[in-house]
Amino acid sequence: RSRFTITRDNVKRKVYLRMYRLDPEDTAVYY
C-alpha cells in the first residue's frame, strides 16, 4: 500500500527497503 520503497545501488551492490507506517502484520523475517 505504498508504505515501502525499494531502491538498488548496483555500484555498492546493495538493495534497500525503506518501510514506513509499519503494522504488526509486517512482523516477519525479510530476505
Full PDB file with SEQRES, HELIX, SHEET, SSBOND, CRYST1, ORIGX, SCALE, CONECT and MASTER records, all heavy atoms in Angstrom:
SEQRES   1 A   31  ARG SER ARG PHE THR ILE THR ARG ASP ASN VAL LYS ARG          
SEQRES   2 A   31  LYS VAL TYR LEU ARG MET TYR ARG LEU ASP PRO GLU ASP          
SEQRES   3 A   31  THR ALA VAL TYR TYR                                          
HELIX    1 AA1 PRO A   24  ASP A   26  5                                   3    
SHEET    1 AA1 2 PHE A   4  ASP A   9  0                                        
SHEET    2 AA1 2 LYS A  14  MET A  19 -1                                        
CRYST1    1.000    1.000    1.000  90.00  90.00  90.00 P 1           1          
ORIGX1      1.000000  0.000000  0.000000        0.00000                         
ORIGX2      0.000000  1.000000  0.000000        0.00000                         
ORIGX3      0.000000  0.000000  1.000000        0.00000                         
SCALE1      1.000000  0.000000  0.000000        0.00000                         
SCALE2      0.000000  1.000000  0.000000        0.00000                         
SCALE3      0.000000  0.000000  1.000000        0.00000                         
ATOM      1  N   ARG A   1       0.831  -1.217   0.000  1.00  0.00           N  
ATOM      2  CA  ARG A   1       0.000   0.000   0.000  1.00  0.00           C  
ATOM      3  C   ARG A   1       0.860   1.259   0.000  1.00  0.00           C  
ATOM      4  O   ARG A   1       0.597   2.210   0.710  1.00  0.00           O  
ATOM      5  CB  ARG A   1      -0.935   0.008   1.213  1.00  0.00           C  
ATOM      6  CG  ARG A   1      -1.877  -1.162   1.263  1.00  0.00           C  
ATOM      7  CD  ARG A   1      -2.980  -0.921   2.298  1.00  0.00           C  
ATOM      8  NE  ARG A   1      -2.450  -0.652   3.618  1.00  0.00           N  
ATOM      9  CZ  ARG A   1      -2.117  -1.576   4.502  1.00  0.00           C  
ATOM     10  NH1 ARG A   1      -2.236  -2.846   4.179  1.00  0.00           N  
ATOM     11  NH2 ARG A   1      -1.667  -1.245   5.690  1.00  0.00           N  
ATOM     12  N   SER A   2       1.918   1.239  -0.788  1.00  0.00           N  
ATOM     13  CA  SER A   2       2.814   2.397  -0.939  1.00  0.00           C  
ATOM     14  C   SER A   2       3.549   2.756   0.346  1.00  0.00           C  
ATOM     15  O   SER A   2       4.123   3.828   0.454  1.00  0.00           O  
ATOM     16  CB  SER A   2       2.058   3.630  -1.450  1.00  0.00           C  
ATOM     17  OG  SER A   2       1.469   3.383  -2.684  1.00  0.00           O  
ATOM     18  N   ARG A   3       3.559   1.861   1.324  1.00  0.00           N  
ATOM     19  CA  ARG A   3       4.259   2.160   2.574  1.00  0.00           C  
ATOM     20  C   ARG A   3       5.747   1.866   2.479  1.00  0.00           C  
ATOM     21  O   ARG A   3       6.540   2.385   3.283  1.00  0.00           O  
ATOM     22  CB  ARG A   3       3.655   1.325   3.712  1.00  0.00           C  
ATOM     23  CG  ARG A   3       2.190   1.586   3.974  1.00  0.00           C  
ATOM     24  CD  ARG A   3       1.665   0.661   5.070  1.00  0.00           C  
ATOM     25  NE  ARG A   3       1.767  -0.730   4.657  1.00  0.00           N  
ATOM     26  CZ  ARG A   3       2.299  -1.691   5.412  1.00  0.00           C  
ATOM     27  NH1 ARG A   3       2.770  -1.407   6.618  1.00  0.00           N  
ATOM     28  NH2 ARG A   3       2.349  -2.949   4.975  1.00  0.00           N  
ATOM     29  N   PHE A   4       6.139   1.007   1.544  1.00  0.00           N  
ATOM     30  CA  PHE A   4       7.530   0.586   1.436  1.00  0.00           C  
ATOM     31  C   PHE A   4       8.129   1.130   0.141  1.00  0.00           C  
ATOM     32  O   PHE A   4       7.445   1.216  -0.883  1.00  0.00           O  
ATOM     33  CB  PHE A   4       7.643  -0.939   1.414  1.00  0.00           C  
ATOM     34  CG  PHE A   4       7.103  -1.648   2.633  1.00  0.00           C  
ATOM     35  CD1 PHE A   4       6.988  -3.029   2.612  1.00  0.00           C  
ATOM     36  CD2 PHE A   4       6.747  -0.967   3.776  1.00  0.00           C  
ATOM     37  CE1 PHE A   4       6.504  -3.725   3.708  1.00  0.00           C  
ATOM     38  CE2 PHE A   4       6.267  -1.640   4.887  1.00  0.00           C  
ATOM     39  CZ  PHE A   4       6.139  -3.019   4.850  1.00  0.00           C  
ATOM     40  N   THR A   5       9.416   1.436   0.174  1.00  0.00           N  
ATOM     41  CA  THR A   5      10.124   1.915  -1.012  1.00  0.00           C  
ATOM     42  C   THR A   5      11.373   1.079  -1.221  1.00  0.00           C  
ATOM     43  O   THR A   5      12.228   1.013  -0.330  1.00  0.00           O  
ATOM     44  CB  THR A   5      10.514   3.390  -0.850  1.00  0.00           C  
ATOM     45  OG1 THR A   5       9.345   4.171  -0.618  1.00  0.00           O  
ATOM     46  CG2 THR A   5      11.209   3.887  -2.112  1.00  0.00           C  
ATOM     47  N   ILE A   6      11.485   0.465  -2.375  1.00  0.00           N  
ATOM     48  CA  ILE A   6      12.659  -0.334  -2.706  1.00  0.00           C  
ATOM     49  C   ILE A   6      13.572   0.468  -3.617  1.00  0.00           C  
ATOM     50  O   ILE A   6      13.110   1.187  -4.515  1.00  0.00           O  
ATOM     51  CB  ILE A   6      12.242  -1.664  -3.376  1.00  0.00           C  
ATOM     52  CG1 ILE A   6      13.448  -2.608  -3.519  1.00  0.00           C  
ATOM     53  CG2 ILE A   6      11.583  -1.433  -4.728  1.00  0.00           C  
ATOM     54  CD1 ILE A   6      13.057  -4.020  -3.969  1.00  0.00           C  
ATOM     55  N   THR A   7      14.858   0.389  -3.357  1.00  0.00           N  
ATOM     56  CA  THR A   7      15.855   1.013  -4.228  1.00  0.00           C  
ATOM     57  C   THR A   7      17.044   0.068  -4.351  1.00  0.00           C  
ATOM     58  O   THR A   7      17.210  -0.826  -3.527  1.00  0.00           O  
ATOM     59  CB  THR A   7      16.344   2.366  -3.665  1.00  0.00           C  
ATOM     60  OG1 THR A   7      16.825   2.169  -2.331  1.00  0.00           O  
ATOM     61  CG2 THR A   7      15.241   3.408  -3.651  1.00  0.00           C  
ATOM     62  N   ARG A   8      17.837   0.285  -5.386  1.00  0.00           N  
ATOM     63  CA  ARG A   8      19.031  -0.533  -5.552  1.00  0.00           C  
ATOM     64  C   ARG A   8      20.189   0.366  -5.955  1.00  0.00           C  
ATOM     65  O   ARG A   8      20.005   1.376  -6.653  1.00  0.00           O  
ATOM     66  CB  ARG A   8      18.834  -1.663  -6.557  1.00  0.00           C  
ATOM     67  CG  ARG A   8      18.599  -1.242  -7.978  1.00  0.00           C  
ATOM     68  CD  ARG A   8      18.209  -2.414  -8.871  1.00  0.00           C  
ATOM     69  NE  ARG A   8      19.323  -3.286  -9.191  1.00  0.00           N  
ATOM     70  CZ  ARG A   8      19.189  -4.451  -9.839  1.00  0.00           C  
ATOM     71  NH1 ARG A   8      17.975  -4.881 -10.193  1.00  0.00           N  
ATOM     72  NH2 ARG A   8      20.259  -5.190 -10.113  1.00  0.00           N  
ATOM     73  N   ASP A   9      21.377  -0.012  -5.522  1.00  0.00           N  
ATOM     74  CA  ASP A   9      22.596   0.717  -5.870  1.00  0.00           C  
ATOM     75  C   ASP A   9      23.567  -0.331  -6.386  1.00  0.00           C  
ATOM     76  O   ASP A   9      24.224  -1.029  -5.591  1.00  0.00           O  
ATOM     77  CB  ASP A   9      23.142   1.434  -4.635  1.00  0.00           C  
ATOM     78  CG  ASP A   9      24.352   2.290  -4.945  1.00  0.00           C  
ATOM     79  OD1 ASP A   9      25.091   1.978  -5.909  1.00  0.00           O  
ATOM     80  OD2 ASP A   9      24.589   3.275  -4.214  1.00  0.00           O  
ATOM     81  N   ASN A  10      23.644  -0.467  -7.693  1.00  0.00           N  
ATOM     82  CA  ASN A  10      24.488  -1.512  -8.277  1.00  0.00           C  
ATOM     83  C   ASN A  10      25.971  -1.279  -7.990  1.00  0.00           C  
ATOM     84  O   ASN A  10      26.740  -2.225  -7.886  1.00  0.00           O  
ATOM     85  CB  ASN A  10      24.245  -1.617  -9.777  1.00  0.00           C  
ATOM     86  CG  ASN A  10      22.945  -2.327 -10.102  1.00  0.00           C  
ATOM     87  OD1 ASN A  10      22.089  -2.492  -9.239  1.00  0.00           O  
ATOM     88  ND2 ASN A  10      22.790  -2.717 -11.356  1.00  0.00           N  
ATOM     89  N   VAL A  11      26.365  -0.036  -7.857  1.00  0.00           N  
ATOM     90  CA  VAL A  11      27.773   0.251  -7.567  1.00  0.00           C  
ATOM     91  C   VAL A  11      28.142  -0.315  -6.192  1.00  0.00           C  
ATOM     92  O   VAL A  11      29.200  -0.931  -6.018  1.00  0.00           O  
ATOM     93  CB  VAL A  11      28.052   1.756  -7.632  1.00  0.00           C  
ATOM     94  CG1 VAL A  11      29.477   2.070  -7.170  1.00  0.00           C  
ATOM     95  CG2 VAL A  11      27.817   2.279  -9.047  1.00  0.00           C  
ATOM     96  N   LYS A  12      27.269  -0.110  -5.223  1.00  0.00           N  
ATOM     97  CA  LYS A  12      27.525  -0.610  -3.870  1.00  0.00           C  
ATOM     98  C   LYS A  12      27.066  -2.056  -3.697  1.00  0.00           C  
ATOM     99  O   LYS A  12      27.282  -2.650  -2.641  1.00  0.00           O  
ATOM    100  CB  LYS A  12      26.821   0.270  -2.837  1.00  0.00           C  
ATOM    101  CG  LYS A  12      27.360   1.677  -2.765  1.00  0.00           C  
ATOM    102  CD  LYS A  12      26.643   2.479  -1.683  1.00  0.00           C  
ATOM    103  CE  LYS A  12      27.214   3.889  -1.584  1.00  0.00           C  
ATOM    104  NZ  LYS A  12      26.503   4.702  -0.565  1.00  0.00           N  
ATOM    105  N   ARG A  13      26.414  -2.604  -4.728  1.00  0.00           N  
ATOM    106  CA  ARG A  13      25.884  -3.980  -4.673  1.00  0.00           C  
ATOM    107  C   ARG A  13      24.850  -4.115  -3.563  1.00  0.00           C  
ATOM    108  O   ARG A  13      24.784  -5.133  -2.876  1.00  0.00           O  
ATOM    109  CB  ARG A  13      27.007  -5.007  -4.485  1.00  0.00           C  
ATOM    110  CG  ARG A  13      28.142  -4.888  -5.484  1.00  0.00           C  
ATOM    111  CD  ARG A  13      29.052  -6.098  -5.442  1.00  0.00           C  
ATOM    112  NE  ARG A  13      29.355  -6.513  -4.086  1.00  0.00           N  
ATOM    113  CZ  ARG A  13      30.410  -6.130  -3.389  1.00  0.00           C  
ATOM    114  NH1 ARG A  13      31.265  -5.274  -3.914  1.00  0.00           N  
ATOM    115  NH2 ARG A  13      30.629  -6.585  -2.172  1.00  0.00           N  
ATOM    116  N   LYS A  14      24.036  -3.095  -3.381  1.00  0.00           N  
ATOM    117  CA  LYS A  14      23.064  -3.114  -2.288  1.00  0.00           C  
ATOM    118  C   LYS A  14      21.644  -2.860  -2.787  1.00  0.00           C  
ATOM    119  O   LYS A  14      21.435  -2.157  -3.781  1.00  0.00           O  
ATOM    120  CB  LYS A  14      23.411  -2.055  -1.245  1.00  0.00           C  
ATOM    121  CG  LYS A  14      24.648  -2.382  -0.425  1.00  0.00           C  
ATOM    122  CD  LYS A  14      24.882  -1.341   0.641  1.00  0.00           C  
ATOM    123  CE  LYS A  14      26.059  -1.701   1.518  1.00  0.00           C  
ATOM    124  NZ  LYS A  14      26.302  -0.694   2.577  1.00  0.00           N  
ATOM    125  N   VAL A  15      20.706  -3.424  -2.059  1.00  0.00           N  
ATOM    126  CA  VAL A  15      19.292  -3.181  -2.296  1.00  0.00           C  
ATOM    127  C   VAL A  15      18.681  -2.797  -0.953  1.00  0.00           C  
ATOM    128  O   VAL A  15      18.990  -3.413   0.074  1.00  0.00           O  
ATOM    129  CB  VAL A  15      18.594  -4.428  -2.875  1.00  0.00           C  
ATOM    130  CG1 VAL A  15      17.126  -4.129  -3.171  1.00  0.00           C  
ATOM    131  CG2 VAL A  15      19.302  -4.901  -4.137  1.00  0.00           C  
ATOM    132  N   TYR A  16      17.825  -1.797  -0.976  1.00  0.00           N  
ATOM    133  CA  TYR A  16      17.259  -1.269   0.257  1.00  0.00           C  
ATOM    134  C   TYR A  16      15.742  -1.419   0.257  1.00  0.00           C  
ATOM    135  O   TYR A  16      15.103  -1.420  -0.798  1.00  0.00           O  
ATOM    136  CB  TYR A  16      17.601   0.211   0.404  1.00  0.00           C  
ATOM    137  CG  TYR A  16      19.076   0.521   0.328  1.00  0.00           C  
ATOM    138  CD1 TYR A  16      19.654   0.925  -0.877  1.00  0.00           C  
ATOM    139  CD2 TYR A  16      19.890   0.421   1.449  1.00  0.00           C  
ATOM    140  CE1 TYR A  16      21.011   1.212  -0.953  1.00  0.00           C  
ATOM    141  CE2 TYR A  16      21.244   0.715   1.383  1.00  0.00           C  
ATOM    142  CZ  TYR A  16      21.797   1.107   0.174  1.00  0.00           C  
ATOM    143  OH  TYR A  16      23.139   1.397   0.103  1.00  0.00           O  
ATOM    144  N   LEU A  17      15.187  -1.481   1.455  1.00  0.00           N  
ATOM    145  CA  LEU A  17      13.737  -1.438   1.606  1.00  0.00           C  
ATOM    146  C   LEU A  17      13.437  -0.492   2.756  1.00  0.00           C  
ATOM    147  O   LEU A  17      13.681  -0.809   3.920  1.00  0.00           O  
ATOM    148  CB  LEU A  17      13.148  -2.828   1.891  1.00  0.00           C  
ATOM    149  CG  LEU A  17      11.617  -2.884   1.894  1.00  0.00           C  
ATOM    150  CD1 LEU A  17      11.081  -2.675   0.472  1.00  0.00           C  
ATOM    151  CD2 LEU A  17      11.111  -4.220   2.445  1.00  0.00           C  
ATOM    152  N   ARG A  18      12.955   0.683   2.399  1.00  0.00           N  
ATOM    153  CA  ARG A  18      12.545   1.646   3.417  1.00  0.00           C  
ATOM    154  C   ARG A  18      11.090   1.371   3.718  1.00  0.00           C  
ATOM    155  O   ARG A  18      10.248   1.418   2.832  1.00  0.00           O  
ATOM    156  CB  ARG A  18      12.725   3.067   2.890  1.00  0.00           C  
ATOM    157  CG  ARG A  18      12.114   4.123   3.761  1.00  0.00           C  
ATOM    158  CD  ARG A  18      12.852   4.304   5.065  1.00  0.00           C  
ATOM    159  NE  ARG A  18      14.111   4.998   4.934  1.00  0.00           N  
ATOM    160  CZ  ARG A  18      14.900   5.308   5.964  1.00  0.00           C  
ATOM    161  NH1 ARG A  18      14.548   4.942   7.190  1.00  0.00           N  
ATOM    162  NH2 ARG A  18      16.020   5.939   5.771  1.00  0.00           N  
ATOM    163  N   MET A  19      10.802   1.114   4.977  1.00  0.00           N  
ATOM    164  CA  MET A  19       9.442   0.763   5.388  1.00  0.00           C  
ATOM    165  C   MET A  19       8.887   1.837   6.316  1.00  0.00           C  
ATOM    166  O   MET A  19       9.524   2.195   7.311  1.00  0.00           O  
ATOM    167  CB  MET A  19       9.438  -0.591   6.097  1.00  0.00           C  
ATOM    168  CG  MET A  19      10.032  -1.713   5.252  1.00  0.00           C  
ATOM    169  SD  MET A  19       9.778  -3.361   5.946  1.00  0.00           S  
ATOM    170  CE  MET A  19      10.760  -3.245   7.425  1.00  0.00           C  
ATOM    171  N   TYR A  20       7.701   2.336   5.973  1.00  0.00           N  
ATOM    172  CA  TYR A  20       7.015   3.344   6.773  1.00  0.00           C  
ATOM    173  C   TYR A  20       5.674   2.788   7.239  1.00  0.00           C  
ATOM    174  O   TYR A  20       5.162   1.814   6.696  1.00  0.00           O  
ATOM    175  CB  TYR A  20       6.741   4.597   5.933  1.00  0.00           C  
ATOM    176  CG  TYR A  20       7.955   5.289   5.385  1.00  0.00           C  
ATOM    177  CD1 TYR A  20       8.404   5.033   4.092  1.00  0.00           C  
ATOM    178  CD2 TYR A  20       8.650   6.231   6.147  1.00  0.00           C  
ATOM    179  CE1 TYR A  20       9.524   5.676   3.578  1.00  0.00           C  
ATOM    180  CE2 TYR A  20       9.767   6.878   5.633  1.00  0.00           C  
ATOM    181  CZ  TYR A  20      10.197   6.608   4.354  1.00  0.00           C  
ATOM    182  OH  TYR A  20      11.300   7.246   3.850  1.00  0.00           O  
ATOM    183  N   ARG A  21       5.096   3.459   8.228  1.00  0.00           N  
ATOM    184  CA  ARG A  21       3.746   3.105   8.729  1.00  0.00           C  
ATOM    185  C   ARG A  21       3.641   1.602   8.964  1.00  0.00           C  
ATOM    186  O   ARG A  21       2.703   0.940   8.487  1.00  0.00           O  
ATOM    187  CB  ARG A  21       2.678   3.588   7.755  1.00  0.00           C  
ATOM    188  CG  ARG A  21       2.774   5.087   7.476  1.00  0.00           C  
ATOM    189  CD  ARG A  21       1.503   5.668   6.882  1.00  0.00           C  
ATOM    190  NE  ARG A  21       1.003   4.978   5.730  1.00  0.00           N  
ATOM    191  CZ  ARG A  21       1.412   5.166   4.489  1.00  0.00           C  
ATOM    192  NH1 ARG A  21       2.386   6.015   4.242  1.00  0.00           N  
ATOM    193  NH2 ARG A  21       0.872   4.495   3.488  1.00  0.00           N  
ATOM    194  N   LEU A  22       4.599   1.076   9.683  1.00  0.00           N  
ATOM    195  CA  LEU A  22       4.629  -0.354   9.923  1.00  0.00           C  
ATOM    196  C   LEU A  22       3.420  -0.803  10.732  1.00  0.00           C  
ATOM    197  O   LEU A  22       2.875  -0.062  11.569  1.00  0.00           O  
ATOM    198  CB  LEU A  22       5.919  -0.741  10.633  1.00  0.00           C  
ATOM    199  CG  LEU A  22       7.157  -0.759   9.732  1.00  0.00           C  
ATOM    200  CD1 LEU A  22       8.429  -0.731  10.540  1.00  0.00           C  
ATOM    201  CD2 LEU A  22       7.126  -1.990   8.818  1.00  0.00           C  
ATOM    202  N   ASP A  23       3.032  -2.023  10.485  1.00  0.00           N  
ATOM    203  CA  ASP A  23       1.870  -2.650  11.116  1.00  0.00           C  
ATOM    204  C   ASP A  23       2.331  -3.971  11.732  1.00  0.00           C  
ATOM    205  O   ASP A  23       3.264  -4.597  11.208  1.00  0.00           O  
ATOM    206  CB  ASP A  23       0.820  -2.915  10.021  1.00  0.00           C  
ATOM    207  CG  ASP A  23      -0.463  -3.485  10.582  1.00  0.00           C  
ATOM    208  OD1 ASP A  23      -0.539  -4.722  10.716  1.00  0.00           O  
ATOM    209  OD2 ASP A  23      -1.388  -2.701  10.869  1.00  0.00           O  
ATOM    210  N   PRO A  24       1.702  -4.420  12.802  1.00  0.00           N  
ATOM    211  CA  PRO A  24       2.087  -5.729  13.358  1.00  0.00           C  
ATOM    212  C   PRO A  24       2.057  -6.856  12.325  1.00  0.00           C  
ATOM    213  O   PRO A  24       2.826  -7.816  12.454  1.00  0.00           O  
ATOM    214  CB  PRO A  24       1.054  -5.940  14.471  1.00  0.00           C  
ATOM    215  CG  PRO A  24       0.741  -4.551  14.936  1.00  0.00           C  
ATOM    216  CD  PRO A  24       0.754  -3.712  13.688  1.00  0.00           C  
ATOM    217  N   GLU A  25       1.216  -6.731  11.301  1.00  0.00           N  
ATOM    218  CA  GLU A  25       1.167  -7.744  10.241  1.00  0.00           C  
ATOM    219  C   GLU A  25       2.469  -7.792   9.430  1.00  0.00           C  
ATOM    220  O   GLU A  25       2.694  -8.729   8.675  1.00  0.00           O  
ATOM    221  CB  GLU A  25       0.002  -7.467   9.293  1.00  0.00           C  
ATOM    222  CG  GLU A  25      -1.361  -7.630   9.924  1.00  0.00           C  
ATOM    223  CD  GLU A  25      -1.686  -9.088  10.194  1.00  0.00           C  
ATOM    224  OE1 GLU A  25      -1.475  -9.922   9.281  1.00  0.00           O  
ATOM    225  OE2 GLU A  25      -2.129  -9.408  11.309  1.00  0.00           O  
ATOM    226  N   ASP A  26       3.296  -6.770   9.558  1.00  0.00           N  
ATOM    227  CA  ASP A  26       4.585  -6.752   8.841  1.00  0.00           C  
ATOM    228  C   ASP A  26       5.666  -7.537   9.588  1.00  0.00           C  
ATOM    229  O   ASP A  26       6.794  -7.650   9.082  1.00  0.00           O  
ATOM    230  CB  ASP A  26       5.051  -5.312   8.630  1.00  0.00           C  
ATOM    231  CG  ASP A  26       4.090  -4.506   7.777  1.00  0.00           C  
ATOM    232  OD1 ASP A  26       3.625  -5.037   6.749  1.00  0.00           O  
ATOM    233  OD2 ASP A  26       3.812  -3.339   8.138  1.00  0.00           O  
ATOM    234  N   THR A  27       5.353  -8.027  10.764  1.00  0.00           N  
ATOM    235  CA  THR A  27       6.322  -8.825  11.511  1.00  0.00           C  
ATOM    236  C   THR A  27       6.693 -10.073  10.722  1.00  0.00           C  
ATOM    237  O   THR A  27       5.814 -10.855  10.346  1.00  0.00           O  
ATOM    238  CB  THR A  27       5.746  -9.219  12.878  1.00  0.00           C  
ATOM    239  OG1 THR A  27       5.563  -8.037  13.658  1.00  0.00           O  
ATOM    240  CG2 THR A  27       6.678 -10.177  13.612  1.00  0.00           C  
ATOM    241  N   ALA A  28       7.980 -10.234  10.452  1.00  0.00           N  
ATOM    242  CA  ALA A  28       8.455 -11.342   9.613  1.00  0.00           C  
ATOM    243  C   ALA A  28       9.972 -11.272   9.534  1.00  0.00           C  
ATOM    244  O   ALA A  28      10.592 -10.301   9.983  1.00  0.00           O  
ATOM    245  CB  ALA A  28       7.862 -11.249   8.210  1.00  0.00           C  
ATOM    246  N   VAL A  29      10.548 -12.301   8.949  1.00  0.00           N  
ATOM    247  CA  VAL A  29      11.962 -12.253   8.574  1.00  0.00           C  
ATOM    248  C   VAL A  29      12.008 -11.843   7.109  1.00  0.00           C  
ATOM    249  O   VAL A  29      11.295 -12.411   6.275  1.00  0.00           O  
ATOM    250  CB  VAL A  29      12.654 -13.608   8.783  1.00  0.00           C  
ATOM    251  CG1 VAL A  29      14.127 -13.522   8.372  1.00  0.00           C  
ATOM    252  CG2 VAL A  29      12.534 -14.054  10.233  1.00  0.00           C  
ATOM    253  N   TYR A  30      12.840 -10.866   6.801  1.00  0.00           N  
ATOM    254  CA  TYR A  30      12.909 -10.300   5.454  1.00  0.00           C  
ATOM    255  C   TYR A  30      14.184 -10.744   4.756  1.00  0.00           C  
ATOM    256  O   TYR A  30      15.269 -10.736   5.362  1.00  0.00           O  
ATOM    257  CB  TYR A  30      12.847  -8.773   5.535  1.00  0.00           C  
ATOM    258  CG  TYR A  30      11.454  -8.265   5.845  1.00  0.00           C  
ATOM    259  CD1 TYR A  30      10.898  -8.429   7.117  1.00  0.00           C  
ATOM    260  CD2 TYR A  30      10.678  -7.645   4.864  1.00  0.00           C  
ATOM    261  CE1 TYR A  30       9.616  -7.985   7.396  1.00  0.00           C  
ATOM    262  CE2 TYR A  30       9.396  -7.193   5.130  1.00  0.00           C  
ATOM    263  CZ  TYR A  30       8.876  -7.375   6.400  1.00  0.00           C  
ATOM    264  OH  TYR A  30       7.597  -6.935   6.661  1.00  0.00           O  
ATOM    265  N   TYR A  31      14.040 -11.107   3.490  1.00  0.00           N  
ATOM    266  CA  TYR A  31      15.147 -11.634   2.695  1.00  0.00           C  
ATOM    267  C   TYR A  31      15.234 -10.922   1.343  1.00  0.00           C  
ATOM    268  O   TYR A  31      14.242 -10.419   0.826  1.00  0.00           O  
ATOM    269  CB  TYR A  31      14.912 -13.114   2.374  1.00  0.00           C  
ATOM    270  CG  TYR A  31      14.687 -14.025   3.543  1.00  0.00           C  
ATOM    271  CD1 TYR A  31      13.409 -14.185   4.087  1.00  0.00           C  
ATOM    272  CD2 TYR A  31      15.733 -14.758   4.081  1.00  0.00           C  
ATOM    273  CE1 TYR A  31      13.195 -15.041   5.152  1.00  0.00           C  
ATOM    274  CE2 TYR A  31      15.520 -15.631   5.143  1.00  0.00           C  
ATOM    275  CZ  TYR A  31      14.248 -15.763   5.673  1.00  0.00           C  
ATOM    276  OH  TYR A  31      14.044 -16.620   6.720  1.00  0.00           O  
TER     277      TYR A  31                                                      
MASTER        0    0    0    1    2    0    0    6  276    1    0    3          
END                                                                             
